[in-house]
Amino acid sequence: MAILFWLAIGIVCYAFVGYGVVLYLLVKLKRALVSPYPISNASSVYPTVTLLVAAYNEADIIGAKIANTLDLDYPEERLQLIFITDGSDDDTPAIVGGYSGITLLHQAERRGKMAAIKRAMNHVQGEITIFTDGNTFLNPEAIKQLVKHYQNPKVGAVAGEKRIKVDRTADASAAGEGFYWKYESKLKQLDYAFYSNVGAAGELFSIRTALYPPVETDTIIDDHMIAMRIAEKGFIIAYEPAAYAMETASENTSEELKRKIRIAAGGLQSILRLPKAANPFFYPLLTFQYISHRVLRWTIVPFLLPLIFILNVVMVAEGTGTVYVILFAMQLLFYGMAVIGWLLEGRQLRIKLFFIPYYFCLMNYAVIAGIFRYLRGNQAAAWEKSKRKTELR
C-alpha cells in the first residue's frame, strides 16, 4: 500500500511540477551544447498567408473581430482572409458578407468545426495557414511573429499564446483559467526550447499549408489533432508567445466546466488516434514530451487523486507513521480550500486564495467526466459555444 501511495504521489507531482523542472534542466543543458536555429526578426520577404476564422453565432462581436483582423500588420497583398460561419443562424454571415476583401464560407448545416475547416482548406491559397476563432483578438504583430519560425525547415506548425483577460474582481473561473494559461505558456516555451510543442490552442495556431493532414470529421479538438498529426510526420511544433490571442474567461464555473469536459473527451479521442506520438520508436523526444505534458494529465492523474486520498485515510487509520498524518492534513487543507472556493463562488464572494485549489479540482473532475462521456459516445463533434464574460472590443 505504501509503494502504491508514493508511486501515485510521484506521478501526480511529476505531471504538474516535476516535468517542468526536468524540462528546465534539459533546456539548460541543450543550450550549453547546441546552438539554436537562427531566426531573423527582420525578414523583408513574407510568405503568403491565409487567415481562417471560425465563427458560430458571433453577431455581437464579429464586427470587432473583423476590425481587429483588418488591423493586423502584414502586407495586404500577401494575406488572404477567410471567415467560416457554418451553422450560424444569427446575423454573423450577413455582417461578414458586408466586407470586401473577406471570403465568406457559409452553409446552413452545422457539422462541427473540423468539417468546416476541411471544407475551407479547399479555398486556401497561402503557403501558411493561420487558424483563429471569431471571439478572440490578435495583437497586431501576431502574423509576423508566427511566420518567422518557418525559416526553420523543420518547423511544420507554430502555436501562438492564449491569454485570458482577468481583472481585479475576477471570479474562480476567470482567475483559475488565467493562472492555468500563464503556467501552460511557460511550459510550452520550455517544450519548444527543448524540442517541440505537443499540441496547439485553436485560438491561434498556424501550419505549413502543404502539410495539412487528414483529420477525421468527428474530431473533437481539431487544433490539437491537426498540429500533432504534423508532429507525427517528424516536424516541430514551434511556440511564439509574442503572437497572442486575447479572450475573456468563461462566464461562470458551469460554462468553464462544460468546456473542460468537452476538451477532456477530445483529449482521450486524440490519444487513441495518435499512435505514433506515444510510440518512442518513432520520435522519442516527442513521445517523452507528449506523455509527460498531455497523456498523464488526460488519463491517469485525475484518477490518482482520489486514490491517494483513500490510501492516505487507510494508512492514517492503521497508524503507519507521522508523515502520513502530515500528508493527510495537507490534503484536507487543500481540498477544504477548494470547497471554500466553491461556496464563495456561489455567493459571489471573490477571494483568490481559494480559487486555484477550486479550479484544480474542477479541471481534474472534468477530465474524469470527459473520459466517461467519450466512452459512452455522448460527445458530439460540433463545437459547443461557451458563454464568456463581457466580450473584448
Protein backbone atom coordinates (compact mmCIF):
# COMPACT_ATOMS: atom_id res chain seq x y z
CA MET A 1 0.00 0.00 0.00
CA ALA A 2 2.85 2.40 0.82
CA ILE A 3 4.54 1.71 -2.51
CA LEU A 4 1.30 2.41 -4.40
CA PHE A 5 0.72 5.57 -2.35
CA TRP A 6 4.15 7.04 -3.04
CA LEU A 7 4.09 5.97 -6.69
CA ALA A 8 0.76 7.76 -7.17
CA ILE A 9 2.05 10.91 -5.46
CA GLY A 10 5.19 10.80 -7.59
CA ILE A 11 3.20 10.61 -10.83
CA VAL A 12 0.90 13.47 -9.82
CA CYS A 13 3.78 15.68 -8.71
CA TYR A 14 5.71 14.88 -11.88
CA ALA A 15 2.75 15.69 -14.14
CA PHE A 16 2.10 19.12 -12.61
CA VAL A 17 5.50 20.24 -11.31
CA GLY A 18 8.28 17.73 -11.89
CA TYR A 19 8.04 17.70 -15.66
CA GLY A 20 8.53 21.46 -15.76
CA VAL A 21 11.61 21.19 -13.54
CA VAL A 22 13.09 18.34 -15.61
CA LEU A 23 12.35 20.24 -18.81
CA TYR A 24 14.00 23.39 -17.46
CA LEU A 25 17.18 21.46 -16.67
CA LEU A 26 17.18 19.73 -20.05
CA VAL A 27 16.78 23.08 -21.83
CA LYS A 28 19.73 24.49 -19.87
CA LEU A 29 21.84 21.51 -20.90
CA LYS A 30 20.77 21.75 -24.53
CA ARG A 31 21.56 25.46 -24.75
CA ALA A 32 25.04 24.75 -23.39
CA LEU A 33 25.67 22.12 -26.06
CA VAL A 34 23.63 23.12 -29.13
CA SER A 35 23.21 26.49 -30.85
CA PRO A 36 19.58 27.37 -31.68
CA TYR A 37 18.45 27.69 -35.28
CA PRO A 38 19.00 31.34 -36.35
CA ILE A 39 15.65 33.12 -36.76
CA SER A 40 15.60 36.61 -38.27
CA ASN A 41 13.03 39.10 -36.99
CA ALA A 42 13.65 41.50 -39.87
CA SER A 43 12.77 39.44 -42.91
CA SER A 44 11.70 41.57 -45.85
CA VAL A 45 10.22 38.58 -47.70
CA TYR A 46 6.98 37.36 -46.18
CA PRO A 47 5.28 34.07 -47.11
CA THR A 48 1.73 34.20 -48.40
CA VAL A 49 -0.70 33.65 -45.54
CA THR A 50 -4.33 32.59 -45.28
CA LEU A 51 -6.09 33.51 -42.06
CA LEU A 52 -9.01 31.16 -41.30
CA VAL A 53 -11.52 32.50 -38.78
CA ALA A 54 -14.13 30.09 -37.43
CA ALA A 55 -17.22 31.87 -36.08
CA TYR A 56 -20.50 30.41 -34.86
CA ASN A 57 -23.30 32.83 -33.91
CA GLU A 58 -20.92 35.68 -33.05
CA ALA A 59 -23.07 38.57 -34.33
CA ASP A 60 -22.47 40.60 -31.18
CA ILE A 61 -18.68 40.58 -31.60
CA ILE A 62 -17.89 39.67 -35.21
CA GLY A 63 -17.66 43.31 -36.32
CA ALA A 64 -14.95 43.95 -33.74
CA LYS A 65 -13.21 40.73 -34.78
CA ILE A 66 -13.16 41.86 -38.41
CA ALA A 67 -11.78 45.26 -37.42
CA ASN A 68 -9.07 43.53 -35.39
CA THR A 69 -8.26 41.28 -38.36
CA LEU A 70 -8.00 44.18 -40.80
CA ASP A 71 -5.62 45.96 -38.39
CA LEU A 72 -3.09 43.11 -38.42
CA ASP A 73 0.36 44.24 -39.50
CA TYR A 74 1.05 42.14 -42.58
CA PRO A 75 1.34 43.01 -46.30
CA GLU A 76 -2.23 43.13 -47.58
CA GLU A 77 -1.33 41.59 -50.95
CA ARG A 78 0.13 38.53 -49.20
CA LEU A 79 -2.79 37.93 -46.84
CA GLN A 80 -5.99 36.03 -47.67
CA LEU A 81 -8.89 36.30 -45.21
CA ILE A 82 -11.49 33.53 -44.92
CA PHE A 83 -14.35 33.52 -42.41
CA ILE A 84 -16.28 30.27 -41.87
CA THR A 85 -19.76 30.65 -40.33
CA ASP A 86 -21.28 27.21 -40.87
CA GLY A 87 -24.48 26.66 -38.91
CA SER A 88 -24.78 30.28 -37.75
CA ASP A 89 -28.43 31.30 -37.68
CA ASP A 90 -27.93 34.87 -36.44
CA ASP A 91 -26.56 37.87 -38.39
CA THR A 92 -22.93 36.65 -38.38
CA PRO A 93 -22.87 35.62 -42.10
CA ALA A 94 -24.59 38.84 -43.17
CA ILE A 95 -22.14 41.01 -41.23
CA VAL A 96 -19.10 39.21 -42.64
CA GLY A 97 -20.57 39.33 -46.14
CA GLY A 98 -20.71 43.11 -45.97
CA TYR A 99 -16.91 43.41 -46.07
CA SER A 100 -14.97 43.36 -49.31
CA GLY A 101 -11.70 41.51 -49.26
CA ILE A 102 -13.03 38.76 -47.00
CA THR A 103 -14.07 35.37 -48.35
CA LEU A 104 -17.23 34.21 -46.60
CA LEU A 105 -17.83 30.48 -46.39
CA HIS A 106 -21.25 29.69 -45.01
CA GLN A 107 -23.63 26.80 -45.13
CA ALA A 108 -26.78 26.32 -43.09
CA GLU A 109 -25.88 22.83 -41.94
CA ARG A 110 -23.77 22.64 -38.80
CA ARG A 111 -21.45 19.65 -38.95
CA GLY A 112 -18.76 20.73 -36.50
CA LYS A 113 -15.61 22.80 -36.65
CA MET A 114 -13.41 20.10 -38.18
CA ALA A 115 -15.85 19.59 -41.05
CA ALA A 116 -15.91 23.36 -41.60
CA ILE A 117 -12.11 23.56 -41.65
CA LYS A 118 -11.83 20.64 -44.10
CA ARG A 119 -14.25 22.43 -46.43
CA ALA A 120 -12.39 25.72 -46.07
CA MET A 121 -8.98 24.20 -46.85
CA ASN A 122 -10.08 23.81 -50.48
CA HIS A 123 -10.13 27.62 -50.72
CA VAL A 124 -6.79 28.27 -49.03
CA GLN A 125 -4.15 29.90 -51.23
CA GLY A 126 -1.44 30.84 -48.70
CA GLU A 127 1.78 28.97 -48.04
CA ILE A 128 0.97 29.33 -44.35
CA THR A 129 -2.50 28.80 -42.89
CA ILE A 130 -3.34 30.51 -39.61
CA PHE A 131 -6.35 29.36 -37.58
CA THR A 132 -8.14 31.58 -35.08
CA ASP A 133 -11.60 31.93 -33.54
CA GLY A 134 -14.29 34.52 -34.01
CA ASN A 135 -14.31 35.59 -30.34
CA THR A 136 -10.57 36.15 -29.87
CA PHE A 137 -8.45 39.20 -30.68
CA LEU A 138 -4.90 39.07 -32.00
CA ASN A 139 -2.07 41.51 -31.36
CA PRO A 140 -1.04 43.49 -34.49
CA GLU A 141 2.31 41.66 -34.85
CA ALA A 142 0.82 38.19 -34.46
CA ILE A 143 1.20 37.03 -38.07
CA LYS A 144 4.78 38.26 -38.45
CA GLN A 145 5.74 36.66 -35.16
CA LEU A 146 4.24 33.31 -36.19
CA VAL A 147 5.64 33.09 -39.72
CA LYS A 148 9.23 33.94 -38.77
CA HIS A 149 9.65 30.44 -37.35
CA TYR A 150 9.08 28.89 -40.78
CA GLN A 151 12.59 29.99 -41.69
CA ASN A 152 13.49 26.72 -39.99
CA PRO A 153 12.56 23.94 -42.47
CA LYS A 154 11.98 21.54 -39.58
CA VAL A 155 9.09 23.63 -38.27
CA GLY A 156 5.73 22.40 -39.54
CA ALA A 157 3.42 24.32 -37.23
CA VAL A 158 3.62 27.32 -34.91
CA ALA A 159 1.35 27.87 -31.93
CA GLY A 160 0.59 31.31 -30.55
CA GLU A 161 -0.16 32.13 -26.92
CA LYS A 162 -3.63 32.11 -25.46
CA ARG A 163 -4.24 34.88 -22.93
CA ILE A 164 -7.23 35.25 -20.62
CA LYS A 165 -8.35 38.73 -19.60
CA VAL A 166 -8.50 38.72 -15.80
CA ASP A 167 -9.50 41.81 -13.82
CA ARG A 168 -9.22 42.51 -10.11
CA THR A 169 -12.76 41.31 -9.40
CA ALA A 170 -12.24 38.01 -11.21
CA ASP A 171 -14.20 35.01 -10.01
CA ALA A 172 -12.92 31.43 -9.82
CA SER A 173 -13.40 30.64 -13.49
CA ALA A 174 -11.50 33.75 -14.60
CA ALA A 175 -8.72 33.66 -12.01
CA GLY A 176 -8.22 29.91 -12.30
CA GLU A 177 -8.27 29.87 -16.09
CA GLY A 178 -5.94 32.86 -16.24
CA PHE A 179 -3.43 31.24 -13.89
CA TYR A 180 -3.63 27.93 -15.77
CA TRP A 181 -2.83 29.51 -19.13
CA LYS A 182 0.07 31.52 -17.72
CA TYR A 183 1.52 28.28 -16.38
CA GLU A 184 0.85 26.50 -19.68
CA SER A 185 2.57 29.27 -21.61
CA LYS A 186 5.76 28.89 -19.58
CA LEU A 187 5.67 25.13 -20.06
CA LYS A 188 5.12 25.48 -23.80
CA GLN A 189 8.09 27.81 -24.11
CA LEU A 190 10.24 25.15 -22.45
CA ASP A 191 8.72 22.43 -24.63
CA TYR A 192 9.75 24.26 -27.79
CA ALA A 193 13.15 25.19 -26.41
CA PHE A 194 13.83 21.51 -25.75
CA TYR A 195 12.31 20.03 -28.92
CA SER A 196 8.66 20.59 -29.84
CA ASN A 197 5.29 21.61 -28.51
CA VAL A 198 2.73 18.84 -28.13
CA GLY A 199 -0.35 20.50 -29.49
CA ALA A 200 -1.82 23.93 -30.16
CA ALA A 201 -4.73 26.05 -28.95
CA GLY A 202 -7.37 26.81 -31.57
CA GLU A 203 -7.44 30.47 -30.58
CA LEU A 204 -4.23 30.97 -32.59
CA PHE A 205 -2.00 28.49 -34.40
CA SER A 206 -0.55 28.04 -37.86
CA ILE A 207 0.72 25.31 -40.18
CA ARG A 208 2.55 24.92 -43.45
CA THR A 209 -0.42 24.52 -45.75
CA ALA A 210 1.30 21.75 -47.71
CA LEU A 211 1.49 19.69 -44.52
CA TYR A 212 -2.21 19.89 -43.70
CA PRO A 213 -3.02 16.34 -42.56
CA PRO A 214 -6.13 14.22 -42.99
CA VAL A 215 -8.17 14.58 -39.79
CA GLU A 216 -11.42 12.74 -39.09
CA THR A 217 -14.56 14.89 -39.37
CA ASP A 218 -15.78 13.80 -35.94
CA THR A 219 -12.62 15.15 -34.27
CA ILE A 220 -13.48 16.99 -31.05
CA ILE A 221 -10.33 19.09 -30.51
CA ASP A 222 -9.33 19.85 -34.08
CA ASP A 223 -6.48 22.24 -33.25
CA HIS A 224 -4.60 19.65 -31.21
CA MET A 225 -5.13 16.89 -33.78
CA ILE A 226 -4.02 18.97 -36.78
CA ALA A 227 -0.83 20.07 -35.03
CA MET A 228 0.01 16.64 -33.65
CA ARG A 229 -0.57 14.88 -36.97
CA ILE A 230 2.08 17.21 -38.40
CA ALA A 231 4.37 16.37 -35.47
CA GLU A 232 3.84 12.69 -36.23
CA LYS A 233 5.35 13.38 -39.65
CA GLY A 234 8.57 14.39 -37.93
CA PHE A 235 8.10 18.16 -37.94
CA ILE A 236 8.43 20.51 -34.96
CA ILE A 237 5.56 22.49 -33.43
CA ALA A 238 7.10 25.84 -32.52
CA TYR A 239 5.72 28.22 -29.90
CA GLU A 240 5.66 32.01 -30.10
CA PRO A 241 4.39 33.94 -27.03
CA ALA A 242 4.80 37.27 -28.88
CA ALA A 243 1.88 36.20 -31.08
CA TYR A 244 -1.15 36.00 -28.85
CA ALA A 245 -4.91 35.72 -28.86
CA MET A 246 -6.80 37.51 -26.11
CA GLU A 247 -10.21 36.41 -24.88
CA THR A 248 -12.34 36.72 -21.78
CA ALA A 249 -12.85 33.86 -19.34
CA SER A 250 -15.93 31.67 -19.27
CA GLU A 251 -18.98 33.48 -17.96
CA ASN A 252 -19.07 31.27 -14.87
CA THR A 253 -17.77 27.99 -13.50
CA SER A 254 -20.57 25.97 -15.08
CA GLU A 255 -19.60 27.24 -18.53
CA GLU A 256 -15.93 26.54 -17.84
CA LEU A 257 -16.76 23.02 -16.66
CA LYS A 258 -18.75 22.36 -19.83
CA ARG A 259 -15.80 23.48 -21.93
CA LYS A 260 -13.27 21.44 -19.94
CA ILE A 261 -15.35 18.26 -20.15
CA ARG A 262 -15.51 18.61 -23.92
CA ILE A 263 -11.74 19.14 -24.13
CA ALA A 264 -11.16 16.11 -21.90
CA ALA A 265 -13.33 13.93 -24.12
CA GLY A 266 -11.36 15.19 -27.10
CA GLY A 267 -8.12 14.53 -25.26
CA LEU A 268 -8.90 10.83 -24.88
CA GLN A 269 -10.05 10.66 -28.50
CA SER A 270 -6.79 12.22 -29.67
CA ILE A 271 -4.66 9.82 -27.60
CA LEU A 272 -6.39 6.88 -29.27
CA ARG A 273 -5.82 8.43 -32.70
CA LEU A 274 -2.16 9.44 -32.31
CA PRO A 275 -0.32 6.12 -32.01
CA LYS A 276 2.99 7.40 -33.39
CA ALA A 277 3.16 10.26 -30.89
CA ALA A 278 3.04 7.79 -28.00
CA ASN A 279 5.50 5.35 -29.59
CA PRO A 280 9.13 6.15 -28.63
CA PHE A 281 10.45 4.12 -31.58
CA PHE A 282 9.38 6.90 -33.97
CA TYR A 283 10.28 10.20 -32.27
CA PRO A 284 11.46 9.52 -28.68
CA LEU A 285 11.80 13.18 -27.65
CA LEU A 286 8.28 13.95 -28.85
CA THR A 287 6.95 10.87 -27.04
CA PHE A 288 8.65 11.91 -23.79
CA GLN A 289 7.07 15.37 -24.01
CA TYR A 290 3.67 14.13 -25.18
CA ILE A 291 3.26 11.59 -22.39
CA SER A 292 4.64 13.94 -19.72
CA HIS A 293 2.68 17.03 -20.76
CA ARG A 294 -0.56 15.58 -22.12
CA VAL A 295 -1.20 11.89 -21.65
CA LEU A 296 -0.66 11.78 -17.88
CA ARG A 297 -2.99 14.73 -17.27
CA TRP A 298 -5.64 13.50 -19.70
CA THR A 299 -5.81 9.90 -18.48
CA ILE A 300 -4.07 8.80 -15.28
CA VAL A 301 -3.57 11.71 -12.89
CA PRO A 302 -7.26 12.62 -12.24
CA PHE A 303 -7.95 9.06 -11.10
CA LEU A 304 -4.86 9.00 -8.88
CA LEU A 305 -6.01 12.00 -6.81
CA PRO A 306 -8.95 10.21 -5.11
CA LEU A 307 -6.84 7.06 -4.84
CA ILE A 308 -4.15 8.98 -2.94
CA PHE A 309 -6.75 10.40 -0.57
CA ILE A 310 -8.34 7.00 0.12
CA LEU A 311 -4.97 5.29 0.65
CA ASN A 312 -3.93 8.10 2.98
CA VAL A 313 -7.09 7.65 5.06
CA VAL A 314 -6.42 3.94 5.41
CA MET A 315 -2.76 4.44 6.30
CA VAL A 316 -3.58 7.07 8.93
CA ALA A 317 -6.22 4.77 10.42
CA GLU A 318 -3.64 1.98 10.62
CA GLY A 319 -1.14 4.29 12.33
CA THR A 320 1.61 3.79 9.76
CA GLY A 321 3.57 6.92 10.65
CA THR A 322 3.59 10.66 11.35
CA VAL A 323 4.48 11.57 7.77
CA TYR A 324 1.17 10.14 6.56
CA VAL A 325 -0.73 12.17 9.14
CA ILE A 326 1.01 15.33 7.90
CA LEU A 327 0.24 14.50 4.27
CA PHE A 328 -3.38 13.79 5.16
CA ALA A 329 -3.64 17.12 6.93
CA MET A 330 -2.19 18.85 3.86
CA GLN A 331 -4.76 17.14 1.64
CA LEU A 332 -7.59 18.14 3.96
CA LEU A 333 -6.36 21.73 3.88
CA PHE A 334 -6.09 21.79 0.09
CA TYR A 335 -9.49 20.22 -0.56
CA GLY A 336 -11.02 22.31 2.22
CA MET A 337 -9.79 25.42 0.41
CA ALA A 338 -11.32 24.07 -2.81
CA VAL A 339 -14.69 23.59 -1.05
CA ILE A 340 -14.49 27.12 0.38
CA GLY A 341 -13.74 28.41 -3.13
CA TRP A 342 -16.82 26.60 -4.40
CA LEU A 343 -19.01 28.05 -1.63
CA LEU A 344 -17.66 31.55 -2.15
CA GLU A 345 -18.25 31.26 -5.90
CA GLY A 346 -21.92 30.53 -5.28
CA ARG A 347 -22.25 33.56 -3.02
CA GLN A 348 -20.44 35.94 -5.36
CA LEU A 349 -17.58 36.42 -2.87
CA ARG A 350 -14.17 36.68 -4.51
CA ILE A 351 -11.14 35.61 -2.50
CA LYS A 352 -8.45 34.49 -4.95
CA LEU A 353 -6.60 32.38 -2.36
CA PHE A 354 -9.26 29.69 -2.73
CA PHE A 355 -9.69 29.88 -6.50
CA ILE A 356 -6.60 27.91 -7.53
CA PRO A 357 -7.43 24.78 -5.45
CA TYR A 358 -11.04 25.01 -6.64
CA TYR A 359 -10.05 25.31 -10.29
CA PHE A 360 -7.52 22.46 -9.94
CA CYS A 361 -10.23 20.14 -8.62
CA LEU A 362 -12.64 21.35 -11.27
CA MET A 363 -10.16 20.54 -14.06
CA ASN A 364 -9.48 17.04 -12.81
CA TYR A 365 -13.15 16.29 -12.29
CA ALA A 366 -13.75 17.48 -15.85
CA VAL A 367 -11.18 15.00 -17.18
CA ILE A 368 -12.91 12.08 -15.46
CA ALA A 369 -16.32 13.26 -16.67
CA GLY A 370 -14.97 13.81 -20.19
CA ILE A 371 -13.44 10.34 -20.37
CA PHE A 372 -16.72 8.68 -19.41
CA ARG A 373 -18.66 10.93 -21.78
CA TYR A 374 -16.41 9.92 -24.67
CA LEU A 375 -16.54 6.22 -23.79
CA ARG A 376 -20.35 6.43 -23.73
CA GLY A 377 -20.29 8.10 -27.16
CA ASN A 378 -22.09 11.20 -25.87
CA GLN A 379 -19.65 13.89 -27.07
CA ALA A 380 -20.65 15.49 -30.38
CA ALA A 381 -18.05 16.88 -32.77
CA ALA A 382 -19.96 20.15 -33.24
CA TRP A 383 -18.27 22.75 -31.08
CA GLU A 384 -20.27 23.96 -28.09
CA LYS A 385 -20.12 27.71 -27.77
CA SER A 386 -19.33 28.63 -24.17
CA LYS A 387 -20.75 31.80 -22.74
CA ARG A 388 -17.98 34.28 -22.00
CA LYS A 389 -17.78 37.32 -19.78
CA THR A 390 -18.25 40.78 -21.27
CA GLU A 391 -16.53 40.47 -24.63
CA LEU A 392 -13.32 42.25 -25.54
CA ARG A 393 -13.53 45.08 -28.05
